[in-house]
Amino acid sequence: GFGFGGKTIVAFNQIPKGTDVITSVVEQGNGKLVAVGY
C-alpha cells in the first residue's frame, strides 16, 4: 500500500546524473512523512 510494491523513488534532477539522497525522515501527526536530504 506504499508507493509501488512498497517502494518509492524521487528524483530532483538539478543536473543530469545528479546525486539525490534522503538523510532523515520524520512522521507528522497525520501519518505523512517528511524526508530531508540533498
PDB file of all heavy atoms in Angstrom:
ATOM      1  N   GLY A   1       0.796  -1.212   0.000  1.00  0.00           N
ATOM      2  CA  GLY A   1       0.000   0.000   0.000  1.00  0.00           C
ATOM      3  C   GLY A   1       0.833   1.267   0.000  1.00  0.00           C
ATOM      4  O   GLY A   1       0.291   2.367   0.100  1.00  0.00           O
ATOM      5  N   PHE A   2       2.157   1.119  -0.122  1.00  0.00           N
ATOM      6  CA  PHE A   2       3.059   2.268  -0.110  1.00  0.00           C
ATOM      7  C   PHE A   2       3.816   2.312  -1.426  1.00  0.00           C
ATOM      8  O   PHE A   2       4.509   1.355  -1.793  1.00  0.00           O
ATOM      9  CB  PHE A   2       4.042   2.144   1.055  1.00  0.00           C
ATOM     10  CG  PHE A   2       4.959   3.315   1.215  1.00  0.00           C
ATOM     11  CD1 PHE A   2       4.532   4.471   1.841  1.00  0.00           C
ATOM     12  CD2 PHE A   2       6.263   3.276   0.728  1.00  0.00           C
ATOM     13  CE1 PHE A   2       5.370   5.560   1.992  1.00  0.00           C
ATOM     14  CE2 PHE A   2       7.110   4.355   0.878  1.00  0.00           C
ATOM     15  CZ  PHE A   2       6.659   5.508   1.512  1.00  0.00           C
ATOM     16  N   GLY A   3       3.708   3.441  -2.143  1.00  0.00           N
ATOM     17  CA  GLY A   3       4.431   3.592  -3.401  1.00  0.00           C
ATOM     18  C   GLY A   3       4.066   2.510  -4.390  1.00  0.00           C
ATOM     19  O   GLY A   3       2.897   2.159  -4.567  1.00  0.00           O
ATOM     20  N   PHE A   4       5.078   1.920  -5.019  1.00  0.00           N
ATOM     21  CA  PHE A   4       4.884   0.829  -5.964  1.00  0.00           C
ATOM     22  C   PHE A   4       5.460  -0.437  -5.349  1.00  0.00           C
ATOM     23  O   PHE A   4       6.680  -0.620  -5.310  1.00  0.00           O
ATOM     24  CB  PHE A   4       5.561   1.139  -7.307  1.00  0.00           C
ATOM     25  CG  PHE A   4       4.968   2.315  -8.008  1.00  0.00           C
ATOM     26  CD1 PHE A   4       5.512   3.580  -7.842  1.00  0.00           C
ATOM     27  CD2 PHE A   4       3.853   2.176  -8.817  1.00  0.00           C
ATOM     28  CE1 PHE A   4       4.967   4.676  -8.478  1.00  0.00           C
ATOM     29  CE2 PHE A   4       3.299   3.275  -9.455  1.00  0.00           C
ATOM     30  CZ  PHE A   4       3.844   4.531  -9.282  1.00  0.00           C
ATOM     31  N   GLY A   5       4.587  -1.269  -4.812  1.00  0.00           N
ATOM     32  CA  GLY A   5       5.034  -2.507  -4.184  1.00  0.00           C
ATOM     33  C   GLY A   5       5.867  -2.289  -2.944  1.00  0.00           C
ATOM     34  O   GLY A   5       6.737  -3.091  -2.626  1.00  0.00           O
ATOM     35  N   GLY A   6       5.613  -1.188  -2.240  1.00  0.00           N
ATOM     36  CA  GLY A   6       6.348  -0.904  -1.008  1.00  0.00           C
ATOM     37  C   GLY A   6       7.535   0.011  -1.182  1.00  0.00           C
ATOM     38  O   GLY A   6       8.202   0.336  -0.197  1.00  0.00           O
ATOM     39  N   LYS A   7       7.818   0.450  -2.416  1.00  0.00           N
ATOM     40  CA  LYS A   7       8.999   1.254  -2.694  1.00  0.00           C
ATOM     41  C   LYS A   7       8.600   2.535  -3.433  1.00  0.00           C
ATOM     42  O   LYS A   7       7.663   2.521  -4.241  1.00  0.00           O
ATOM     43  CB  LYS A   7       9.997   0.476  -3.559  1.00  0.00           C
ATOM     44  CG  LYS A   7      10.339  -0.909  -3.041  1.00  0.00           C
ATOM     45  CD  LYS A   7      11.175  -1.689  -4.053  1.00  0.00           C
ATOM     46  CE  LYS A   7      11.424  -3.114  -3.599  1.00  0.00           C
ATOM     47  NZ  LYS A   7      12.210  -3.898  -4.598  1.00  0.00           N
ATOM     48  N   THR A   8       9.341   3.618  -3.170  1.00  0.00           N
ATOM     49  CA  THR A   8       9.127   4.845  -3.919  1.00  0.00           C
ATOM     50  C   THR A   8      10.466   5.522  -4.176  1.00  0.00           C
ATOM     51  O   THR A   8      11.354   5.504  -3.326  1.00  0.00           O
ATOM     52  CB  THR A   8       8.164   5.794  -3.191  1.00  0.00           C
ATOM     53  OG1 THR A   8       7.876   6.920  -4.020  1.00  0.00           O
ATOM     54  CG2 THR A   8       8.731   6.275  -1.867  1.00  0.00           C
ATOM     55  N   ILE A   9      10.615   6.083  -5.374  1.00  0.00           N
ATOM     56  CA  ILE A   9      11.838   6.754  -5.810  1.00  0.00           C
ATOM     57  C   ILE A   9      11.496   8.190  -6.198  1.00  0.00           C
ATOM     58  O   ILE A   9      10.496   8.419  -6.887  1.00  0.00           O
ATOM     59  CB  ILE A   9      12.480   6.042  -7.025  1.00  0.00           C
ATOM     60  CG1 ILE A   9      12.640   4.535  -6.765  1.00  0.00           C
ATOM     61  CG2 ILE A   9      13.812   6.689  -7.376  1.00  0.00           C
ATOM     62  CD1 ILE A   9      13.615   4.190  -5.684  1.00  0.00           C
ATOM     63  N   VAL A  10      12.315   9.137  -5.764  1.00  0.00           N
ATOM     64  CA  VAL A  10      12.078  10.546  -6.074  1.00  0.00           C
ATOM     65  C   VAL A  10      13.353  11.150  -6.645  1.00  0.00           C
ATOM     66  O   VAL A  10      14.422  11.053  -6.026  1.00  0.00           O
ATOM     67  CB  VAL A  10      11.651  11.342  -4.831  1.00  0.00           C
ATOM     68  CG1 VAL A  10      11.480  12.823  -5.176  1.00  0.00           C
ATOM     69  CG2 VAL A  10      10.361  10.784  -4.259  1.00  0.00           C
ATOM     70  N   ALA A  11      13.230  11.797  -7.803  1.00  0.00           N
ATOM     71  CA  ALA A  11      14.376  12.458  -8.438  1.00  0.00           C
ATOM     72  C   ALA A  11      14.169  13.964  -8.420  1.00  0.00           C
ATOM     73  O   ALA A  11      13.070  14.449  -8.709  1.00  0.00           O
ATOM     74  CB  ALA A  11      14.535  11.962  -9.865  1.00  0.00           C
ATOM     75  N   PHE A  12      15.230  14.708  -8.095  1.00  0.00           N
ATOM     76  CA  PHE A  12      15.187  16.155  -8.191  1.00  0.00           C
ATOM     77  C   PHE A  12      15.754  16.635  -9.525  1.00  0.00           C
ATOM     78  O   PHE A  12      15.320  17.641 -10.065  1.00  0.00           O
ATOM     79  CB  PHE A  12      15.960  16.794  -7.027  1.00  0.00           C
ATOM     80  CG  PHE A  12      15.129  16.956  -5.788  1.00  0.00           C
ATOM     81  CD1 PHE A  12      14.892  15.883  -4.950  1.00  0.00           C
ATOM     82  CD2 PHE A  12      14.582  18.183  -5.467  1.00  0.00           C
ATOM     83  CE1 PHE A  12      14.127  16.031  -3.814  1.00  0.00           C
ATOM     84  CE2 PHE A  12      13.811  18.348  -4.339  1.00  0.00           C
ATOM     85  CZ  PHE A  12      13.578  17.268  -3.498  1.00  0.00           C
ATOM     86  N   ASN A  13      16.768  15.905 -10.032  1.00  0.00           N
ATOM     87  CA  ASN A  13      17.346  16.205 -11.348  1.00  0.00           C
ATOM     88  C   ASN A  13      17.754  17.670 -11.483  1.00  0.00           C
ATOM     89  O   ASN A  13      17.454  18.330 -12.475  1.00  0.00           O
ATOM     90  CB  ASN A  13      16.362  15.832 -12.464  1.00  0.00           C
ATOM     91  CG  ASN A  13      16.149  14.334 -12.564  1.00  0.00           C
ATOM     92  OD1 ASN A  13      17.055  13.551 -12.279  1.00  0.00           O
ATOM     93  ND2 ASN A  13      14.945  13.930 -12.952  1.00  0.00           N
ATOM     94  N   GLN A  14      18.458  18.185 -10.487  1.00  0.00           N
ATOM     95  CA  GLN A  14      19.012  19.530 -10.599  1.00  0.00           C
ATOM     96  C   GLN A  14      20.041  19.597 -11.721  1.00  0.00           C
ATOM     97  O   GLN A  14      20.212  20.633 -12.354  1.00  0.00           O
ATOM     98  CB  GLN A  14      19.649  19.940  -9.276  1.00  0.00           C
ATOM     99  CG  GLN A  14      18.682  20.061  -8.116  1.00  0.00           C
ATOM    100  CD  GLN A  14      17.712  21.221  -8.302  1.00  0.00           C
ATOM    101  OE1 GLN A  14      18.123  22.371  -8.441  1.00  0.00           O
ATOM    102  NE2 GLN A  14      16.428  20.916  -8.303  1.00  0.00           N
ATOM    103  N   ILE A  15      20.715  18.485 -11.944  1.00  0.00           N
ATOM    104  CA  ILE A  15      21.602  18.308 -13.090  1.00  0.00           C
ATOM    105  C   ILE A  15      21.412  16.890 -13.596  1.00  0.00           C
ATOM    106  O   ILE A  15      20.946  16.017 -12.862  1.00  0.00           O
ATOM    107  CB  ILE A  15      23.089  18.526 -12.713  1.00  0.00           C
ATOM    108  CG1 ILE A  15      23.508  17.535 -11.604  1.00  0.00           C
ATOM    109  CG2 ILE A  15      23.348  19.956 -12.300  1.00  0.00           C
ATOM    110  CD1 ILE A  15      24.997  17.483 -11.376  1.00  0.00           C
ATOM    111  N   PRO A  16      21.738  16.605 -14.838  1.00  0.00           N
ATOM    112  CA  PRO A  16      21.698  15.218 -15.308  1.00  0.00           C
ATOM    113  C   PRO A  16      22.661  14.352 -14.485  1.00  0.00           C
ATOM    114  O   PRO A  16      23.774  14.783 -14.153  1.00  0.00           O
ATOM    115  CB  PRO A  16      22.147  15.322 -16.768  1.00  0.00           C
ATOM    116  CG  PRO A  16      21.870  16.741 -17.152  1.00  0.00           C
ATOM    117  CD  PRO A  16      22.091  17.552 -15.912  1.00  0.00           C
ATOM    118  N   LYS A  17      22.231  13.179 -14.118  1.00  0.00           N
ATOM    119  CA  LYS A  17      23.043  12.239 -13.344  1.00  0.00           C
ATOM    120  C   LYS A  17      23.422  12.811 -11.970  1.00  0.00           C
ATOM    121  O   LYS A  17      24.483  12.530 -11.431  1.00  0.00           O
ATOM    122  CB  LYS A  17      24.315  11.837 -14.102  1.00  0.00           C
ATOM    123  CG  LYS A  17      24.066  11.321 -15.504  1.00  0.00           C
ATOM    124  CD  LYS A  17      23.260  10.047 -15.516  1.00  0.00           C
ATOM    125  CE  LYS A  17      23.090   9.507 -16.923  1.00  0.00           C
ATOM    126  NZ  LYS A  17      22.274   8.267 -16.962  1.00  0.00           N
ATOM    127  N   GLY A  18      22.554  13.606 -11.406  1.00  0.00           N
ATOM    128  CA  GLY A  18      22.830  14.190 -10.102  1.00  0.00           C
ATOM    129  C   GLY A  18      22.627  13.198  -8.972  1.00  0.00           C
ATOM    130  O   GLY A  18      21.977  12.161  -9.131  1.00  0.00           O
ATOM    131  N   THR A  19      23.175  13.515  -7.800  1.00  0.00           N
ATOM    132  CA  THR A  19      23.061  12.667  -6.620  1.00  0.00           C
ATOM    133  C   THR A  19      22.020  13.259  -5.675  1.00  0.00           C
ATOM    134  O   THR A  19      22.229  14.330  -5.106  1.00  0.00           O
ATOM    135  CB  THR A  19      24.410  12.553  -5.894  1.00  0.00           C
ATOM    136  OG1 THR A  19      25.352  11.920  -6.776  1.00  0.00           O
ATOM    137  CG2 THR A  19      24.290  11.731  -4.626  1.00  0.00           C
ATOM    138  N   ASP A  20      20.889  12.555  -5.520  1.00  0.00           N
ATOM    139  CA  ASP A  20      19.818  12.969  -4.619  1.00  0.00           C
ATOM    140  C   ASP A  20      19.659  11.884  -3.558  1.00  0.00           C
ATOM    141  O   ASP A  20      19.426  10.718  -3.893  1.00  0.00           O
ATOM    142  CB  ASP A  20      18.501  13.144  -5.375  1.00  0.00           C
ATOM    143  CG  ASP A  20      18.618  14.074  -6.580  1.00  0.00           C
ATOM    144  OD1 ASP A  20      19.485  14.964  -6.540  1.00  0.00           O
ATOM    145  OD2 ASP A  20      17.851  13.891  -7.540  1.00  0.00           O
ATOM    146  N   VAL A  21      19.765  12.251  -2.280  1.00  0.00           N
ATOM    147  CA  VAL A  21      19.771  11.261  -1.199  1.00  0.00           C
ATOM    148  C   VAL A  21      18.915  11.755  -0.035  1.00  0.00           C
ATOM    149  O   VAL A  21      18.963  12.936   0.319  1.00  0.00           O
ATOM    150  CB  VAL A  21      21.211  10.986  -0.709  1.00  0.00           C
ATOM    151  CG1 VAL A  21      21.213  10.032   0.487  1.00  0.00           C
ATOM    152  CG2 VAL A  21      22.061  10.405  -1.840  1.00  0.00           C
ATOM    153  N   ILE A  22      18.152  10.849   0.572  1.00  0.00           N
ATOM    154  CA  ILE A  22      17.441  11.126   1.818  1.00  0.00           C
ATOM    155  C   ILE A  22      18.375  10.812   2.978  1.00  0.00           C
ATOM    156  O   ILE A  22      18.996   9.747   3.022  1.00  0.00           O
ATOM    157  CB  ILE A  22      16.169  10.273   1.949  1.00  0.00           C
ATOM    158  CG1 ILE A  22      15.165  10.608   0.849  1.00  0.00           C
ATOM    159  CG2 ILE A  22      15.523  10.457   3.323  1.00  0.00           C
ATOM    160  CD1 ILE A  22      13.961   9.688   0.812  1.00  0.00           C
ATOM    161  N   THR A  23      18.456  11.727   3.935  1.00  0.00           N
ATOM    162  CA  THR A  23      19.296  11.513   5.105  1.00  0.00           C
ATOM    163  C   THR A  23      18.495  11.310   6.394  1.00  0.00           C
ATOM    164  O   THR A  23      19.013  10.747   7.355  1.00  0.00           O
ATOM    165  CB  THR A  23      20.246  12.707   5.319  1.00  0.00           C
ATOM    166  OG1 THR A  23      19.470  13.908   5.415  1.00  0.00           O
ATOM    167  CG2 THR A  23      21.232  12.826   4.162  1.00  0.00           C
ATOM    168  N   SER A  24      17.224  11.774   6.439  1.00  0.00           N
ATOM    169  CA  SER A  24      16.439  11.662   7.665  1.00  0.00           C
ATOM    170  C   SER A  24      14.964  11.803   7.325  1.00  0.00           C
ATOM    171  O   SER A  24      14.601  12.470   6.351  1.00  0.00           O
ATOM    172  CB  SER A  24      16.865  12.741   8.669  1.00  0.00           C
ATOM    173  OG  SER A  24      16.211  12.587   9.916  1.00  0.00           O
ATOM    174  N   VAL A  25      14.110  11.193   8.160  1.00  0.00           N
ATOM    175  CA  VAL A  25      12.661  11.206   7.932  1.00  0.00           C
ATOM    176  C   VAL A  25      11.961  11.380   9.267  1.00  0.00           C
ATOM    177  O   VAL A  25      12.394  10.830  10.288  1.00  0.00           O
ATOM    178  CB  VAL A  25      12.180   9.902   7.250  1.00  0.00           C
ATOM    179  CG1 VAL A  25      10.664   9.883   7.110  1.00  0.00           C
ATOM    180  CG2 VAL A  25      12.828   9.731   5.882  1.00  0.00           C
ATOM    181  N   VAL A  26      10.854  12.135   9.265  1.00  0.00           N
ATOM    182  CA  VAL A  26      10.020  12.279  10.450  1.00  0.00           C
ATOM    183  C   VAL A  26       8.567  12.056  10.049  1.00  0.00           C
ATOM    184  O   VAL A  26       8.169  12.358   8.917  1.00  0.00           O
ATOM    185  CB  VAL A  26      10.216  13.668  11.098  1.00  0.00           C
ATOM    186  CG1 VAL A  26       9.638  14.774  10.236  1.00  0.00           C
ATOM    187  CG2 VAL A  26       9.622  13.706  12.494  1.00  0.00           C
ATOM    188  N   GLU A  27       7.782  11.519  10.972  1.00  0.00           N
ATOM    189  CA  GLU A  27       6.358  11.280  10.734  1.00  0.00           C
ATOM    190  C   GLU A  27       5.538  12.385  11.389  1.00  0.00           C
ATOM    191  O   GLU A  27       5.664  12.645  12.582  1.00  0.00           O
ATOM    192  CB  GLU A  27       5.949   9.924  11.297  1.00  0.00           C
ATOM    193  CG  GLU A  27       4.483   9.576  11.061  1.00  0.00           C
ATOM    194  CD  GLU A  27       4.084   8.243  11.684  1.00  0.00           C
ATOM    195  OE1 GLU A  27       4.852   7.715  12.513  1.00  0.00           O
ATOM    196  OE2 GLU A  27       2.992   7.752  11.353  1.00  0.00           O
ATOM    197  N   GLN A  28       4.675  13.038  10.585  1.00  0.00           N
ATOM    198  CA  GLN A  28       3.764  14.021  11.139  1.00  0.00           C
ATOM    199  C   GLN A  28       2.628  13.325  11.886  1.00  0.00           C
ATOM    200  O   GLN A  28       2.430  12.115  11.769  1.00  0.00           O
ATOM    201  CB  GLN A  28       3.192  14.901  10.022  1.00  0.00           C
ATOM    202  CG  GLN A  28       4.190  15.827   9.365  1.00  0.00           C
ATOM    203  CD  GLN A  28       3.534  16.753   8.343  1.00  0.00           C
ATOM    204  OE1 GLN A  28       4.217  17.336   7.529  1.00  0.00           O
ATOM    205  NE2 GLN A  28       2.216  16.881   8.376  1.00  0.00           N
ATOM    206  N   GLY A  29       1.851  14.107  12.615  1.00  0.00           N
ATOM    207  CA  GLY A  29       0.745  13.541  13.374  1.00  0.00           C
ATOM    208  C   GLY A  29      -0.325  12.913  12.524  1.00  0.00           C
ATOM    209  O   GLY A  29      -1.077  12.039  12.995  1.00  0.00           O
ATOM    210  N   ASN A  30      -0.419  13.312  11.250  1.00  0.00           N
ATOM    211  CA  ASN A  30      -1.413  12.746  10.347  1.00  0.00           C
ATOM    212  C   ASN A  30      -0.877  11.574   9.535  1.00  0.00           C
ATOM    213  O   ASN A  30      -1.539  11.105   8.610  1.00  0.00           O
ATOM    214  CB  ASN A  30      -1.948  13.830   9.413  1.00  0.00           C
ATOM    215  CG  ASN A  30      -0.851  14.505   8.599  1.00  0.00           C
ATOM    216  OD1 ASN A  30       0.319  14.135   8.681  1.00  0.00           O
ATOM    217  ND2 ASN A  30      -1.218  15.500   7.808  1.00  0.00           N
ATOM    218  N   GLY A  31       0.330  11.114   9.859  1.00  0.00           N
ATOM    219  CA  GLY A  31       0.908   9.963   9.168  1.00  0.00           C
ATOM    220  C   GLY A  31       1.705  10.298   7.935  1.00  0.00           C
ATOM    221  O   GLY A  31       2.366   9.411   7.368  1.00  0.00           O
ATOM    222  N   LYS A  32       1.685  11.558   7.487  1.00  0.00           N
ATOM    223  CA  LYS A  32       2.517  11.936   6.351  1.00  0.00           C
ATOM    224  C   LYS A  32       3.987  11.918   6.777  1.00  0.00           C
ATOM    225  O   LYS A  32       4.313  12.160   7.938  1.00  0.00           O
ATOM    226  CB  LYS A  32       2.128  13.322   5.833  1.00  0.00           C
ATOM    227  CG  LYS A  32       0.739  13.373   5.207  1.00  0.00           C
ATOM    228  CD  LYS A  32       0.427  14.747   4.640  1.00  0.00           C
ATOM    229  CE  LYS A  32      -0.958  14.772   4.009  1.00  0.00           C
ATOM    230  NZ  LYS A  32      -1.268  16.095   3.400  1.00  0.00           N
ATOM    231  N   LEU A  33       4.866  11.636   5.821  1.00  0.00           N
ATOM    232  CA  LEU A  33       6.296  11.521   6.080  1.00  0.00           C
ATOM    233  C   LEU A  33       7.039  12.668   5.404  1.00  0.00           C
ATOM    234  O   LEU A  33       6.867  12.901   4.201  1.00  0.00           O
ATOM    235  CB  LEU A  33       6.830  10.186   5.552  1.00  0.00           C
ATOM    236  CG  LEU A  33       6.201   8.927   6.142  1.00  0.00           C
ATOM    237  CD1 LEU A  33       6.715   7.687   5.403  1.00  0.00           C
ATOM    238  CD2 LEU A  33       6.492   8.818   7.626  1.00  0.00           C
ATOM    239  N   VAL A  34       7.854  13.382   6.178  1.00  0.00           N
ATOM    240  CA  VAL A  34       8.713  14.414   5.622  1.00  0.00           C
ATOM    241  C   VAL A  34      10.144  13.886   5.599  1.00  0.00           C
ATOM    242  O   VAL A  34      10.687  13.484   6.636  1.00  0.00           O
ATOM    243  CB  VAL A  34       8.657  15.720   6.434  1.00  0.00           C
ATOM    244  CG1 VAL A  34       9.572  16.766   5.808  1.00  0.00           C
ATOM    245  CG2 VAL A  34       7.231  16.237   6.523  1.00  0.00           C
ATOM    246  N   ALA A  35      10.726  13.859   4.416  1.00  0.00           N
ATOM    247  CA  ALA A  35      12.100  13.385   4.228  1.00  0.00           C
ATOM    248  C   ALA A  35      12.979  14.567   3.856  1.00  0.00           C
ATOM    249  O   ALA A  35      12.581  15.428   3.069  1.00  0.00           O
ATOM    250  CB  ALA A  35      12.165  12.332   3.125  1.00  0.00           C
ATOM    251  N   VAL A  36      14.179  14.618   4.437  1.00  0.00           N
ATOM    252  CA  VAL A  36      15.129  15.674   4.089  1.00  0.00           C
ATOM    253  C   VAL A  36      16.429  15.052   3.602  1.00  0.00           C
ATOM    254  O   VAL A  36      16.724  13.882   3.878  1.00  0.00           O
ATOM    255  CB  VAL A  36      15.406  16.616   5.287  1.00  0.00           C
ATOM    256  CG1 VAL A  36      14.115  17.247   5.776  1.00  0.00           C
ATOM    257  CG2 VAL A  36      16.112  15.886   6.428  1.00  0.00           C
ATOM    258  N   GLY A  37      17.215  15.845   2.895  1.00  0.00           N
ATOM    259  CA  GLY A  37      18.497  15.377   2.371  1.00  0.00           C
ATOM    260  C   GLY A  37      19.125  16.439   1.502  1.00  0.00           C
ATOM    261  O   GLY A  37      19.179  17.605   1.875  1.00  0.00           O
ATOM    262  N   TYR A  38      19.561  16.030   0.323  1.00  0.00           N
ATOM    263  CA  TYR A  38      20.190  16.997  -0.572  1.00  0.00           C
ATOM    264  C   TYR A  38      20.006  16.571  -2.021  1.00  0.00           C
ATOM    265  O   TYR A  38      19.779  15.391  -2.326  1.00  0.00           O
ATOM    266  CB  TYR A  38      21.673  17.171  -0.253  1.00  0.00           C
ATOM    267  CG  TYR A  38      22.501  15.900  -0.300  1.00  0.00           C
ATOM    268  CD1 TYR A  38      23.128  15.495  -1.474  1.00  0.00           C
ATOM    269  CD2 TYR A  38      22.662  15.122   0.842  1.00  0.00           C
ATOM    270  CE1 TYR A  38      23.887  14.338  -1.521  1.00  0.00           C
ATOM    271  CE2 TYR A  38      23.417  13.962   0.808  1.00  0.00           C
ATOM    272  CZ  TYR A  38      24.034  13.574  -0.368  1.00  0.00           C
ATOM    273  OH  TYR A  38      24.781  12.411  -0.406  1.00  0.00           O
TER     274      TYR A  38
END
